[in-house]
Amino acid sequence: MTVKGGTGAIIEYFGAGAESMSCTGKGTICNMGAEVGATTSTFGYDDSMERYLTFYET
């Protein structure tokens, strides 16, 4: 995908690769979505996000 191809798009990441990533790793990937011009990037909620949010819960 190039900057032209991502402009105005919403990028959703999914599948076995997405499920195996850490929550902070997913954040890094979402930040890179902006580099291809995407409006936003998203991952589905999964176990890694639950662990991250539970750990940092106050």
PDB file of N, CA and C in Angstrom:
ATOM      1  N   MET A   1       0.844  -1.162   0.000  1.00  0.00           N
ATOM      2  CA  MET A   1       0.000   0.000   0.000  1.00  0.00           C
ATOM      3  C   MET A   1       0.897   1.236   0.000  1.00  0.00           C
ATOM      4  N   THR A   2       0.521   2.210  -0.775  1.00  0.00           N
ATOM      5  CA  THR A   2       1.280   3.456  -0.831  1.00  0.00           C
ATOM      6  C   THR A   2       0.493   4.567  -0.151  1.00  0.00           C
ATOM      7  N   VAL A   3       1.101   5.715  -0.031  1.00  0.00           N
ATOM      8  CA  VAL A   3       0.397   6.852   0.566  1.00  0.00           C
ATOM      9  C   VAL A   3      -0.872   7.146  -0.226  1.00  0.00           C
ATOM     10  N   LYS A   4      -0.783   7.114  -1.536  1.00  0.00           N
ATOM     11  CA  LYS A   4      -1.957   7.377  -2.365  1.00  0.00           C
ATOM     12  C   LYS A   4      -3.044   6.332  -2.128  1.00  0.00           C
ATOM     13  N   GLY A   5      -2.666   5.090  -1.972  1.00  0.00           N
ATOM     14  CA  GLY A   5      -3.635   4.012  -1.781  1.00  0.00           C
ATOM     15  C   GLY A   5      -4.300   4.013  -0.419  1.00  0.00           C
ATOM     16  N   GLY A   6      -3.656   4.603   0.583  1.00  0.00           N
ATOM     17  CA  GLY A   6      -4.226   4.605   1.921  1.00  0.00           C
ATOM     18  C   GLY A   6      -4.999   5.854   2.273  1.00  0.00           C
ATOM     19  N   THR A   7      -4.922   6.881   1.443  1.00  0.00           N
ATOM     20  CA  THR A   7      -5.545   8.156   1.766  1.00  0.00           C
ATOM     21  C   THR A   7      -7.050   7.996   1.951  1.00  0.00           C
ATOM     22  N   GLY A   8      -7.515   8.429   3.123  1.00  0.00           N
ATOM     23  CA  GLY A   8      -8.941   8.384   3.431  1.00  0.00           C
ATOM     24  C   GLY A   8      -9.464   7.011   3.812  1.00  0.00           C
ATOM     25  N   ALA A   9      -8.609   6.008   3.848  1.00  0.00           N
ATOM     26  CA  ALA A   9      -9.046   4.646   4.141  1.00  0.00           C
ATOM     27  C   ALA A   9      -9.047   4.364   5.641  1.00  0.00           C
ATOM     28  N   ILE A  10      -9.826   3.384   6.031  1.00  0.00           N
ATOM     29  CA  ILE A  10      -9.779   2.833   7.378  1.00  0.00           C
ATOM     30  C   ILE A  10      -9.158   1.449   7.216  1.00  0.00           C
ATOM     31  N   ILE A  11      -8.052   1.221   7.911  1.00  0.00           N
ATOM     32  CA  ILE A  11      -7.342  -0.051   7.784  1.00  0.00           C
ATOM     33  C   ILE A  11      -7.651  -0.904   9.009  1.00  0.00           C
ATOM     34  N   GLU A  12      -8.165  -2.106   8.776  1.00  0.00           N
ATOM     35  CA  GLU A  12      -8.445  -3.049   9.863  1.00  0.00           C
ATOM     36  C   GLU A  12      -7.481  -4.224   9.731  1.00  0.00           C
ATOM     37  N   TYR A  13      -6.796  -4.528  10.810  1.00  0.00           N
ATOM     38  CA  TYR A  13      -5.857  -5.650  10.839  1.00  0.00           C
ATOM     39  C   TYR A  13      -6.520  -6.809  11.559  1.00  0.00           C
ATOM     40  N   PHE A  14      -6.364  -8.020  11.015  1.00  0.00           N
ATOM     41  CA  PHE A  14      -6.996  -9.188  11.631  1.00  0.00           C
ATOM     42  C   PHE A  14      -6.251 -10.447  11.228  1.00  0.00           C
ATOM     43  N   GLY A  15      -6.606 -11.544  11.844  1.00  0.00           N
ATOM     44  CA  GLY A  15      -6.016 -12.832  11.512  1.00  0.00           C
ATOM     45  C   GLY A  15      -5.032 -13.308  12.559  1.00  0.00           C
ATOM     46  N   ALA A  16      -4.394 -14.422  12.259  1.00  0.00           N
ATOM     47  CA  ALA A  16      -3.475 -15.064  13.209  1.00  0.00           C
ATOM     48  C   ALA A  16      -2.306 -14.150  13.582  1.00  0.00           C
ATOM     49  N   GLY A  17      -1.793 -13.406  12.632  1.00  0.00           N
ATOM     50  CA  GLY A  17      -0.684 -12.491  12.920  1.00  0.00           C
ATOM     51  C   GLY A  17      -1.099 -11.401  13.890  1.00  0.00           C
ATOM     52  N   ALA A  18      -2.271 -10.840  13.668  1.00  0.00           N
ATOM     53  CA  ALA A  18      -2.776  -9.786  14.554  1.00  0.00           C
ATOM     54  C   ALA A  18      -3.029 -10.330  15.954  1.00  0.00           C
ATOM     55  N   GLU A  19      -3.537 -11.537  16.046  1.00  0.00           N
ATOM     56  CA  GLU A  19      -3.844 -12.143  17.343  1.00  0.00           C
ATOM     57  C   GLU A  19      -2.587 -12.472  18.140  1.00  0.00           C
ATOM     58  N   SER A  20      -1.465 -12.639  17.466  1.00  0.00           N
ATOM     59  CA  SER A  20      -0.236 -13.016  18.159  1.00  0.00           C
ATOM     60  C   SER A  20       0.583 -11.803  18.615  1.00  0.00           C
ATOM     61  N   MET A  21       0.154 -10.597  18.262  1.00  0.00           N
ATOM     62  CA  MET A  21       0.900  -9.385  18.610  1.00  0.00           C
ATOM     63  C   MET A  21       0.516  -8.872  19.995  1.00  0.00           C
ATOM     64  N   SER A  22       1.463  -8.163  20.617  1.00  0.00           N
ATOM     65  CA  SER A  22       1.167  -7.511  21.894  1.00  0.00           C
ATOM     66  C   SER A  22       0.305  -6.279  21.645  1.00  0.00           C
ATOM     67  N   CYS A  23      -0.325  -5.792  22.693  1.00  0.00           N
ATOM     68  CA  CYS A  23      -1.152  -4.594  22.579  1.00  0.00           C
ATOM     69  C   CYS A  23      -0.313  -3.390  22.148  1.00  0.00           C
ATOM     70  N   THR A  24       0.865  -3.234  22.722  1.00  0.00           N
ATOM     71  CA  THR A  24       1.710  -2.102  22.350  1.00  0.00           C
ATOM     72  C   THR A  24       2.234  -2.238  20.915  1.00  0.00           C
ATOM     73  N   GLY A  25       2.463  -3.461  20.470  1.00  0.00           N
ATOM     74  CA  GLY A  25       2.858  -3.689  19.084  1.00  0.00           C
ATOM     75  C   GLY A  25       1.757  -3.273  18.123  1.00  0.00           C
ATOM     76  N   LYS A  26       0.522  -3.534  18.507  1.00  0.00           N
ATOM     77  CA  LYS A  26      -0.619  -3.119  17.680  1.00  0.00           C
ATOM     78  C   LYS A  26      -0.695  -1.595  17.606  1.00  0.00           C
ATOM     79  N   GLY A  27      -0.389  -0.934  18.703  1.00  0.00           N
ATOM     80  CA  GLY A  27      -0.370   0.526  18.699  1.00  0.00           C
ATOM     81  C   GLY A  27       0.657   1.069  17.725  1.00  0.00           C
ATOM     82  N   THR A  28       1.805   0.416  17.685  1.00  0.00           N
ATOM     83  CA  THR A  28       2.858   0.831  16.747  1.00  0.00           C
ATOM     84  C   THR A  28       2.393   0.675  15.305  1.00  0.00           C
ATOM     85  N   ILE A  29       1.759  -0.441  15.000  1.00  0.00           N
ATOM     86  CA  ILE A  29       1.248  -0.685  13.649  1.00  0.00           C
ATOM     87  C   ILE A  29       0.192   0.355  13.280  1.00  0.00           C
ATOM     88  N   CYS A  30      -0.699   0.676  14.227  1.00  0.00           N
ATOM     89  CA  CYS A  30      -1.730   1.685  13.956  1.00  0.00           C
ATOM     90  C   CYS A  30      -1.112   3.043  13.666  1.00  0.00           C
ATOM     91  N   ASN A  31      -0.052   3.392  14.364  1.00  0.00           N
ATOM     92  CA  ASN A  31       0.636   4.661  14.088  1.00  0.00           C
ATOM     93  C   ASN A  31       1.198   4.675  12.674  1.00  0.00           C
ATOM     94  N   MET A  32       1.652   3.530  12.192  1.00  0.00           N
ATOM     95  CA  MET A  32       2.194   3.467  10.840  1.00  0.00           C
ATOM     96  C   MET A  32       1.107   3.614   9.788  1.00  0.00           C
ATOM     97  N   GLY A  33      -0.149   3.349  10.158  1.00  0.00           N
ATOM     98  CA  GLY A  33      -1.248   3.554   9.219  1.00  0.00           C
ATOM     99  C   GLY A  33      -1.324   4.998   8.747  1.00  0.00           C
ATOM    100  N   ALA A  34      -1.014   5.921   9.642  1.00  0.00           N
ATOM    101  CA  ALA A  34      -1.031   7.342   9.273  1.00  0.00           C
ATOM    102  C   ALA A  34       0.012   7.640   8.199  1.00  0.00           C
ATOM    103  N   GLU A  35       1.073   6.880   8.180  1.00  0.00           N
ATOM    104  CA  GLU A  35       2.128   7.101   7.192  1.00  0.00           C
ATOM    105  C   GLU A  35       1.691   6.747   5.778  1.00  0.00           C
ATOM    106  N   VAL A  36       0.670   5.911   5.651  1.00  0.00           N
ATOM    107  CA  VAL A  36       0.131   5.603   4.323  1.00  0.00           C
ATOM    108  C   VAL A  36      -1.127   6.419   4.047  1.00  0.00           C
ATOM    109  N   GLY A  37      -1.410   7.394   4.912  1.00  0.00           N
ATOM    110  CA  GLY A  37      -2.519   8.304   4.682  1.00  0.00           C
ATOM    111  C   GLY A  37      -3.859   7.843   5.215  1.00  0.00           C
ATOM    112  N   ALA A  38      -3.900   6.754   5.963  1.00  0.00           N
ATOM    113  CA  ALA A  38      -5.169   6.234   6.468  1.00  0.00           C
ATOM    114  C   ALA A  38      -5.817   7.206   7.449  1.00  0.00           C
ATOM    115  N   THR A  39      -7.138   7.251   7.427  1.00  0.00           N
ATOM    116  CA  THR A  39      -7.887   8.052   8.385  1.00  0.00           C
ATOM    117  C   THR A  39      -7.733   7.458   9.773  1.00  0.00           C
ATOM    118  N   THR A  40      -7.813   6.148   9.859  1.00  0.00           N
ATOM    119  CA  THR A  40      -7.626   5.443  11.128  1.00  0.00           C
ATOM    120  C   THR A  40      -7.238   4.002  10.850  1.00  0.00           C
ATOM    121  N   SER A  41      -6.693   3.351  11.865  1.00  0.00           N
ATOM    122  CA  SER A  41      -6.356   1.925  11.805  1.00  0.00           C
ATOM    123  C   SER A  41      -6.938   1.268  13.045  1.00  0.00           C
ATOM    124  N   THR A  42      -7.303   0.012  12.930  1.00  0.00           N
ATOM    125  CA  THR A  42      -7.914  -0.658  14.067  1.00  0.00           C
ATOM    126  C   THR A  42      -7.585  -2.149  14.099  1.00  0.00           C
ATOM    127  N   PHE A  43      -7.539  -2.671  15.305  1.00  0.00           N
ATOM    128  CA  PHE A  43      -7.449  -4.109  15.555  1.00  0.00           C
ATOM    129  C   PHE A  43      -8.686  -4.499  16.360  1.00  0.00           C
ATOM    130  N   GLY A  44      -9.148  -5.708  16.218  1.00  0.00           N
ATOM    131  CA  GLY A  44     -10.242  -6.187  17.050  1.00  0.00           C
ATOM    132  C   GLY A  44      -9.772  -6.403  18.479  1.00  0.00           C
ATOM    133  N   TYR A  45     -10.700  -6.314  19.417  1.00  0.00           N
ATOM    134  CA  TYR A  45     -10.390  -6.551  20.833  1.00  0.00           C
ATOM    135  C   TYR A  45     -10.073  -8.032  21.017  1.00  0.00           C
ATOM    136  N   ASP A  46      -8.970  -8.322  21.726  1.00  0.00           N
ATOM    137  CA  ASP A  46      -8.603  -9.711  21.959  1.00  0.00           C
ATOM    138  C   ASP A  46      -7.920  -9.871  23.319  1.00  0.00           C
ATOM    139  N   ASP A  47      -7.368 -11.054  23.573  1.00  0.00           N
ATOM    140  CA  ASP A  47      -6.756 -11.364  24.869  1.00  0.00           C
ATOM    141  C   ASP A  47      -5.585 -10.440  25.209  1.00  0.00           C
ATOM    142  N   SER A  48      -4.769 -10.069  24.227  1.00  0.00           N
ATOM    143  CA  SER A  48      -3.616  -9.213  24.527  1.00  0.00           C
ATOM    144  C   SER A  48      -4.080  -7.834  24.999  1.00  0.00           C
ATOM    145  N   MET A  49      -5.157  -7.332  24.431  1.00  0.00           N
ATOM    146  CA  MET A  49      -5.679  -6.041  24.869  1.00  0.00           C
ATOM    147  C   MET A  49      -6.287  -6.147  26.261  1.00  0.00           C
ATOM    148  N   GLU A  50      -6.961  -7.249  26.517  1.00  0.00           N
ATOM    149  CA  GLU A  50      -7.538  -7.446  27.855  1.00  0.00           C
ATOM    150  C   GLU A  50      -6.438  -7.509  28.917  1.00  0.00           C
ATOM    151  N   ARG A  51      -5.358  -8.243  28.634  1.00  0.00           N
ATOM    152  CA  ARG A  51      -4.246  -8.322  29.584  1.00  0.00           C
ATOM    153  C   ARG A  51      -3.631  -6.948  29.817  1.00  0.00           C
ATOM    154  N   TYR A  52      -3.446  -6.175  28.766  1.00  0.00           N
ATOM    155  CA  TYR A  52      -2.851  -4.845  28.873  1.00  0.00           C
ATOM    156  C   TYR A  52      -3.741  -3.935  29.721  1.00  0.00           C
ATOM    157  N   LEU A  53      -5.020  -3.920  29.423  1.00  0.00           N
ATOM    158  CA  LEU A  53      -5.936  -3.034  30.137  1.00  0.00           C
ATOM    159  C   LEU A  53      -6.127  -3.462  31.593  1.00  0.00           C
ATOM    160  N   THR A  54      -6.112  -4.750  31.853  1.00  0.00           N
ATOM    161  CA  THR A  54      -6.244  -5.255  33.213  1.00  0.00           C
ATOM    162  C   THR A  54      -5.007  -4.910  34.023  1.00  0.00           C
ATOM    163  N   PHE A  55      -3.827  -5.018  33.415  1.00  0.00           N
ATOM    164  CA  PHE A  55      -2.563  -4.738  34.109  1.00  0.00           C
ATOM    165  C   PHE A  55      -2.485  -3.272  34.517  1.00  0.00           C
ATOM    166  N   TYR A  56      -2.948  -2.374  33.640  1.00  0.00           N
ATOM    167  CA  TYR A  56      -2.840  -0.948  33.895  1.00  0.00           C
ATOM    168  C   TYR A  56      -4.077  -0.352  34.542  1.00  0.00           C
ATOM    169  N   GLU A  57      -5.009  -1.184  34.927  1.00  0.00           N
ATOM    170  CA  GLU A  57      -6.232  -0.706  35.572  1.00  0.00           C
ATOM    171  C   GLU A  57      -5.895  -0.120  36.950  1.00  0.00           C
ATOM    172  N   THR A  58      -6.498   1.005  37.294  1.00  0.00           N
ATOM    173  CA  THR A  58      -6.226   1.636  38.588  1.00  0.00           C
ATOM    174  C   THR A  58      -7.419   1.568  39.498  1.00  0.00           C
TER     175      THR A  58
END
